[in-house]
Amino acid sequence: MRKVPTTIITGFLGAGKTTLVRHLMENNQGRRIALIVNEFGDVGVDGDLLASCGIQGCADDDIIELANGCLCCTVADEFLPTMQALLDRPNPPDHILIETSGLALPKPLVKAFHWPEIRSRVTVDGVLAVVDAAALAAGRFADTPEQMAQPDHDNPLEEVFEDQLACADMVLLNKTDLLDAAQLDNTHSELTAKLRPGVRVIRASRSAIDPLIALGLSAAAEDDLAARPSHHDTEDGHDHDDFESFAVTLAEVADPAALEDRLTQIIALHDILRLKGFLAVSGKPARHVVQAVGTRIERWFDRPWRADEDRISRLVVIGERGLDRAAIEAALLA
């Protein structure tokens, strides 16, 4: 029997993974695609956005959301049963996409494809890493002068970023429209220097890539794990003590633009890595999406509120351990 190809989509917080998944599902070439989407926090924003995508042939049961944790840490408890359920369907998918949390390490997930329950039925067609070109150019993953001055310093952002790249079969250098030509060339060169030989870099804006390229790598990544080094190879498991996430519930918002101005200040003051969620806007029947990567914020109305939904605003905040939760919540609720 032909093994079902599976593509693991990795990349740091806000790189454009969900946008890529939607693009691939909208251009599915007639294939039955199932999606497993994983989020670090306990509120599934990305899964909710994809579930309401309205893509033809994309049924609700084709999108499986695993929230409040990273798949690299919950392989046995969540990932394997989910994969078995997909494969045991009367009409199993032609291709499986796995969108990992932005803080997940892909290598432990690739290792899971050796588990006896699934190894004869699926293969990792490829690990596709999405990189935010503007964040890389701005030095988001580089050591700060303070870190470099410490003899035994750790940079958890850099470690996660490098582990994601080290496992990749292809890299999507995304959000290239945010850089000028010289910046883009320099960033491309910096990125290429971090990759294994032969790993191709594709430049893109809004995660637009030919699905025939993205879903046809035939890498069988599970068979060459030794060639994919990780900072955590010598560790027994991996946790995310360096990062934290929490959600804040707000009342209806009268002026989203004014809230955006306040969010920009809050994000900068507390060095928040990622902020995302939904707003209920006074007098508006549609749900308002907020997506922030650092202080870069996007907002749009995506769909009408359903009759069975509570019209509340909820934002997820993700950052390095030590966020002043009380101060952030107070500022958001002000």
Protein backbone atom coordinates (compact mmCIF):
# COMPACT_ATOMS: atom_id res chain seq x y z
CA MET A 1 0.00 0.00 0.00
CA ARG A 2 1.16 3.51 -0.79
CA LYS A 3 2.19 5.46 2.27
CA VAL A 4 0.18 8.65 2.86
CA PRO A 5 2.56 11.63 2.41
CA THR A 6 2.66 14.07 5.29
CA THR A 7 4.09 17.58 5.26
CA ILE A 8 5.25 19.11 8.54
CA ILE A 9 5.02 22.90 8.48
CA THR A 10 7.28 24.50 11.05
CA GLY A 11 8.44 28.05 11.68
CA PHE A 12 8.63 30.56 14.50
CA LEU A 13 5.66 32.45 15.90
CA GLY A 14 3.95 34.60 13.29
CA ALA A 15 6.07 33.48 10.33
CA GLY A 16 3.01 32.76 8.17
CA LYS A 17 2.34 29.04 8.73
CA THR A 18 -1.45 29.34 8.92
CA THR A 19 -1.50 31.51 5.78
CA LEU A 20 0.56 28.84 4.01
CA VAL A 21 -1.79 26.07 5.15
CA ARG A 22 -4.80 27.96 3.85
CA HIS A 23 -3.04 28.60 0.54
CA LEU A 24 -2.23 24.89 0.14
CA MET A 25 -5.76 23.83 1.02
CA GLU A 26 -7.30 26.37 -1.35
CA ASN A 27 -5.10 25.00 -4.13
CA ASN A 28 -5.36 21.33 -3.25
CA GLN A 29 -5.35 20.05 -6.85
CA GLY A 30 -8.35 17.84 -6.08
CA ARG A 31 -6.59 15.98 -3.28
CA ARG A 32 -8.29 15.12 0.00
CA ILE A 33 -6.15 17.00 2.51
CA ALA A 34 -6.43 16.58 6.28
CA LEU A 35 -4.90 19.08 8.65
CA ILE A 36 -3.59 18.75 12.19
CA VAL A 37 -3.01 22.20 13.69
CA ASN A 38 -1.25 22.66 17.01
CA GLU A 39 -1.03 25.77 19.19
CA PHE A 40 1.09 26.61 22.21
CA GLY A 41 -1.68 28.34 24.16
CA ASP A 42 -5.05 27.02 25.30
CA VAL A 43 -7.05 29.15 22.83
CA GLY A 44 -7.07 27.84 19.25
CA VAL A 45 -6.99 30.97 17.09
CA ASP A 46 -5.34 29.43 14.01
CA GLY A 47 -7.55 26.36 14.00
CA ASP A 48 -10.63 28.54 14.32
CA LEU A 49 -9.53 30.69 11.37
CA LEU A 50 -8.97 27.62 9.20
CA ALA A 51 -12.20 25.95 10.30
CA SER A 52 -14.14 28.98 9.05
CA CYS A 53 -12.18 29.20 5.79
CA GLY A 54 -15.07 28.16 3.54
CA ILE A 55 -12.75 26.24 1.21
CA GLN A 56 -14.57 23.81 -1.06
CA GLY A 57 -13.91 20.23 -0.03
CA CYS A 58 -12.56 21.29 3.36
CA ALA A 59 -14.95 19.72 5.86
CA ASP A 60 -14.95 20.39 9.59
CA ASP A 61 -13.66 16.90 10.37
CA ASP A 62 -10.68 17.45 8.05
CA ILE A 63 -9.24 19.98 10.52
CA ILE A 64 -8.10 18.57 13.85
CA GLU A 65 -6.95 21.06 16.46
CA LEU A 66 -4.57 20.14 19.29
CA ALA A 67 -4.17 23.13 21.60
CA ASN A 68 -2.45 23.89 24.90
CA GLY A 69 0.91 22.30 24.24
CA CYS A 70 3.41 21.44 21.52
CA LEU A 71 3.21 18.24 19.53
CA CYS A 72 6.92 17.68 20.05
CA CYS A 73 6.09 17.14 23.73
CA THR A 74 2.80 15.23 23.40
CA VAL A 75 3.57 12.78 20.58
CA ALA A 76 2.33 9.64 22.33
CA ASP A 77 -0.68 11.21 24.02
CA GLU A 78 -2.13 13.27 21.19
CA PHE A 79 -0.35 12.95 17.86
CA LEU A 80 -0.32 9.17 17.39
CA PRO A 81 -4.01 8.60 18.23
CA THR A 82 -4.91 11.48 15.93
CA MET A 83 -2.89 10.03 13.05
CA GLN A 84 -4.36 6.57 13.59
CA ALA A 85 -7.88 7.97 13.50
CA LEU A 86 -7.18 9.75 10.20
CA LEU A 87 -5.61 6.68 8.62
CA ASP A 88 -8.44 4.40 9.79
CA ARG A 89 -11.13 6.44 8.06
CA PRO A 90 -13.09 4.65 5.32
CA ASN A 91 -11.79 7.34 2.96
CA PRO A 92 -8.33 8.29 4.32
CA PRO A 93 -6.74 11.55 3.18
CA ASP A 94 -4.48 11.75 0.14
CA HIS A 95 -2.13 14.08 2.01
CA ILE A 96 -1.80 15.21 5.62
CA LEU A 97 -0.59 18.65 6.69
CA ILE A 98 0.70 19.23 10.21
CA GLU A 99 1.01 22.85 11.31
CA THR A 100 3.15 22.86 14.43
CA SER A 101 3.20 25.47 17.15
CA GLY A 102 5.68 28.28 16.51
CA LEU A 103 7.66 27.04 19.52
CA ALA A 104 7.72 23.36 18.54
CA LEU A 105 10.80 21.42 17.51
CA PRO A 106 10.09 19.39 14.36
CA LYS A 107 12.62 16.59 14.91
CA PRO A 108 10.75 14.77 17.74
CA LEU A 109 7.65 14.84 15.55
CA VAL A 110 9.55 13.35 12.61
CA LYS A 111 10.87 10.63 14.95
CA ALA A 112 7.29 9.66 15.76
CA PHE A 113 6.86 8.37 12.21
CA HIS A 114 8.94 5.35 13.27
CA TRP A 115 6.27 4.27 15.77
CA PRO A 116 4.99 0.80 14.83
CA GLU A 117 1.38 1.97 14.75
CA ILE A 118 1.95 4.26 11.77
CA ARG A 119 5.37 3.70 10.19
CA SER A 120 4.08 1.39 7.44
CA ARG A 121 1.22 3.74 6.56
CA VAL A 122 2.67 7.29 6.40
CA THR A 123 5.86 9.06 5.42
CA VAL A 124 7.17 12.58 5.97
CA ASP A 125 7.09 13.98 2.44
CA GLY A 126 8.98 16.99 3.75
CA VAL A 127 9.57 19.45 6.57
CA LEU A 128 8.79 22.95 5.32
CA ALA A 129 10.09 25.79 7.49
CA VAL A 130 8.50 29.22 7.14
CA VAL A 131 10.73 32.20 8.03
CA ASP A 132 9.62 35.78 8.65
CA ALA A 133 12.13 37.70 6.52
CA ALA A 134 11.57 40.99 8.34
CA ALA A 135 12.04 39.42 11.78
CA LEU A 136 15.26 37.72 10.67
CA ALA A 137 16.56 40.97 9.14
CA ALA A 138 15.77 42.82 12.37
CA GLY A 139 17.89 40.38 14.40
CA ARG A 140 15.00 38.87 16.34
CA PHE A 141 16.81 35.53 16.70
CA ALA A 142 20.33 36.87 17.27
CA ASP A 143 22.06 37.26 20.63
CA THR A 144 21.66 40.62 22.32
CA PRO A 145 24.80 42.40 23.64
CA GLU A 146 23.64 41.54 27.17
CA GLN A 147 23.40 37.83 26.29
CA MET A 148 26.80 37.83 24.61
CA ALA A 149 28.38 39.33 27.74
CA GLN A 150 27.28 36.31 29.79
CA PRO A 151 29.67 33.32 29.52
CA ASP A 152 26.98 30.62 29.75
CA HIS A 153 24.05 32.47 28.26
CA ASP A 154 21.11 30.81 26.52
CA ASN A 155 19.03 32.29 23.73
CA PRO A 156 15.84 30.20 23.56
CA LEU A 157 14.55 32.06 20.49
CA GLU A 158 17.71 31.31 18.56
CA GLU A 159 17.73 27.66 19.63
CA VAL A 160 14.15 27.03 18.54
CA PHE A 161 14.71 28.90 15.26
CA GLU A 162 17.90 26.98 14.48
CA ASP A 163 16.31 23.62 15.33
CA GLN A 164 13.45 24.36 12.96
CA LEU A 165 15.88 25.22 10.16
CA ALA A 166 18.12 22.21 10.85
CA CYS A 167 15.23 19.82 10.26
CA ALA A 168 13.92 21.53 7.12
CA ASP A 169 13.86 20.06 3.63
CA MET A 170 12.73 23.38 2.16
CA VAL A 171 12.55 26.91 3.57
CA LEU A 172 9.95 29.50 2.64
CA LEU A 173 11.49 32.95 3.14
CA ASN A 174 8.22 34.75 3.69
CA LYS A 175 7.05 38.38 3.97
CA THR A 176 9.68 39.45 1.45
CA ASP A 177 7.52 42.45 0.56
CA LEU A 178 8.55 44.02 3.88
CA LEU A 179 12.20 44.33 2.80
CA ASP A 180 13.96 46.23 0.04
CA ALA A 181 16.09 44.38 -2.50
CA ALA A 182 19.40 44.80 -0.66
CA GLN A 183 17.92 43.77 2.70
CA LEU A 184 16.31 40.74 1.10
CA ASP A 185 19.53 39.59 -0.53
CA ASN A 186 21.44 39.97 2.74
CA THR A 187 18.74 38.10 4.67
CA HIS A 188 18.65 35.33 2.05
CA SER A 189 22.42 34.90 2.36
CA GLU A 190 22.24 34.88 6.17
CA LEU A 191 19.53 32.25 6.07
CA THR A 192 21.29 30.03 3.53
CA ALA A 193 24.39 29.93 5.74
CA LYS A 194 22.30 28.31 8.50
CA LEU A 195 20.93 25.46 6.35
CA ARG A 196 22.06 21.94 5.55
CA PRO A 197 23.57 21.49 2.07
CA GLY A 198 20.93 21.08 -0.60
CA VAL A 199 18.06 22.73 1.28
CA ARG A 200 16.29 25.07 -1.11
CA VAL A 201 15.08 28.55 -0.15
CA ILE A 202 11.95 29.88 -1.85
CA ARG A 203 11.11 33.57 -1.55
CA ALA A 204 7.46 34.42 -1.04
CA SER A 205 4.97 37.05 0.04
CA ARG A 206 1.92 35.98 2.05
CA SER A 207 3.14 32.38 1.93
CA ALA A 208 2.26 31.93 -1.75
CA ILE A 209 4.11 28.90 -3.11
CA ASP A 210 3.28 26.39 -5.84
CA PRO A 211 1.57 23.46 -4.03
CA LEU A 212 3.17 21.02 -6.46
CA ILE A 213 6.55 22.10 -5.07
CA ALA A 214 5.57 22.30 -1.41
CA LEU A 215 3.73 18.97 -1.36
CA GLY A 216 5.98 16.96 -3.61
CA LEU A 217 9.38 16.86 -1.89
CA SER A 218 9.43 13.05 -1.40
CA ALA A 219 12.06 13.52 1.30
CA ALA A 220 11.14 10.57 3.56
CA ALA A 221 12.53 12.71 6.36
CA GLU A 222 12.04 9.99 8.95
CA ASP A 223 14.80 7.97 7.27
CA ASP A 224 17.64 10.49 7.69
CA LEU A 225 17.20 11.88 11.19
CA ALA A 226 20.95 11.78 11.81
CA ALA A 227 21.41 14.48 9.19
CA ARG A 228 19.06 16.83 11.06
CA PRO A 229 20.96 18.04 14.15
CA SER A 230 19.16 19.60 17.12
CA HIS A 231 20.24 21.58 20.16
CA HIS A 232 18.16 19.08 22.14
CA ASP A 233 19.51 15.79 20.75
CA THR A 234 21.13 14.88 24.08
CA GLU A 235 18.08 15.81 26.17
CA ASP A 236 15.42 13.41 27.38
CA GLY A 237 12.39 15.21 26.04
CA HIS A 238 11.89 18.93 25.61
CA ASP A 239 9.79 21.48 27.40
CA HIS A 240 8.97 25.11 26.90
CA ASP A 241 9.84 26.62 30.26
CA ASP A 242 11.47 29.53 28.41
CA PHE A 243 8.10 30.67 27.05
CA GLU A 244 4.62 31.33 28.37
CA SER A 245 1.15 32.10 27.05
CA PHE A 246 -2.09 33.42 28.48
CA ALA A 247 -5.41 34.71 27.19
CA VAL A 248 -7.21 37.92 28.09
CA THR A 249 -10.97 38.35 27.66
CA LEU A 250 -12.25 41.83 26.85
CA ALA A 251 -15.65 43.41 26.43
CA GLU A 252 -16.87 44.60 23.04
CA VAL A 253 -14.47 47.06 21.44
CA ALA A 254 -15.79 50.41 20.27
CA ASP A 255 -12.72 51.54 18.30
CA PRO A 256 -10.37 48.82 16.94
CA ALA A 257 -7.93 51.44 15.62
CA ALA A 258 -7.53 52.95 19.08
CA LEU A 259 -7.01 49.47 20.51
CA GLU A 260 -4.33 48.82 17.87
CA ASP A 261 -2.43 51.92 19.00
CA ARG A 262 -2.58 50.67 22.58
CA LEU A 263 -1.52 47.17 21.55
CA THR A 264 1.53 48.57 19.78
CA GLN A 265 2.63 50.30 22.97
CA ILE A 266 1.94 47.26 25.17
CA ILE A 267 3.81 44.88 22.83
CA ALA A 268 6.86 47.15 22.67
CA LEU A 269 6.92 47.79 26.42
CA HIS A 270 6.71 44.10 27.37
CA ASP A 271 8.57 42.61 24.38
CA ILE A 272 5.63 40.37 23.48
CA LEU A 273 6.56 37.92 20.73
CA ARG A 274 3.08 37.17 19.44
CA LEU A 275 -0.44 38.44 20.06
CA LYS A 276 -3.52 37.17 18.25
CA GLY A 277 -7.22 36.71 18.70
CA PHE A 278 -10.70 37.91 17.91
CA LEU A 279 -12.57 41.11 18.74
CA ALA A 280 -16.26 41.80 19.04
CA VAL A 281 -16.69 45.31 17.65
CA SER A 282 -19.65 47.34 18.82
CA GLY A 283 -22.31 47.64 16.13
CA LYS A 284 -20.57 45.24 13.74
CA PRO A 285 -22.04 41.80 12.92
CA ALA A 286 -18.69 40.30 11.88
CA ARG A 287 -15.82 38.97 13.98
CA HIS A 288 -12.64 41.06 13.87
CA VAL A 289 -9.29 39.23 13.69
CA VAL A 290 -6.13 40.65 15.26
CA GLN A 291 -2.70 39.23 14.36
CA ALA A 292 0.49 40.77 15.73
CA VAL A 293 4.10 39.72 15.21
CA GLY A 294 6.06 42.01 17.45
CA THR A 295 4.65 45.47 16.80
CA ARG A 296 3.53 44.59 13.26
CA ILE A 297 -0.26 44.32 13.53
CA GLU A 298 -2.87 43.23 10.98
CA ARG A 299 -6.64 43.42 11.47
CA TRP A 300 -9.63 42.35 9.38
CA PHE A 301 -13.23 41.16 9.62
CA ASP A 302 -13.41 37.48 8.73
CA ARG A 303 -16.99 36.21 9.20
CA PRO A 304 -20.30 36.99 10.91
CA TRP A 305 -20.69 35.96 14.53
CA ARG A 306 -22.74 32.78 14.83
CA ALA A 307 -25.94 32.74 16.82
CA ASP A 308 -24.48 30.21 19.27
CA GLU A 309 -21.33 32.27 19.96
CA ASP A 310 -20.73 34.74 22.78
CA ARG A 311 -19.76 38.14 21.39
CA ILE A 312 -16.59 38.56 23.41
CA SER A 313 -13.10 39.73 22.56
CA ARG A 314 -10.26 37.38 23.41
CA LEU A 315 -6.54 37.89 22.80
CA VAL A 316 -3.72 35.37 23.25
CA VAL A 317 -0.37 36.72 24.45
CA ILE A 318 2.87 34.73 23.93
CA GLY A 319 6.33 35.74 25.07
CA GLU A 320 9.42 34.65 26.90
CA ARG A 321 9.06 33.50 30.51
CA GLY A 322 8.72 36.40 32.91
CA LEU A 323 6.00 38.39 31.19
CA ASP A 324 4.29 40.79 33.61
CA ARG A 325 0.87 39.25 33.15
CA ALA A 326 -0.89 41.53 35.62
CA ALA A 327 0.45 44.67 33.96
CA ILE A 328 -0.37 43.41 30.44
CA GLU A 329 -3.91 42.42 31.42
CA ALA A 330 -4.46 45.77 33.14
CA ALA A 331 -3.24 47.65 30.06
CA LEU A 332 -5.44 45.61 27.71
CA LEU A 333 -8.50 46.09 29.92
CA ALA A 334 -7.94 49.83 30.42
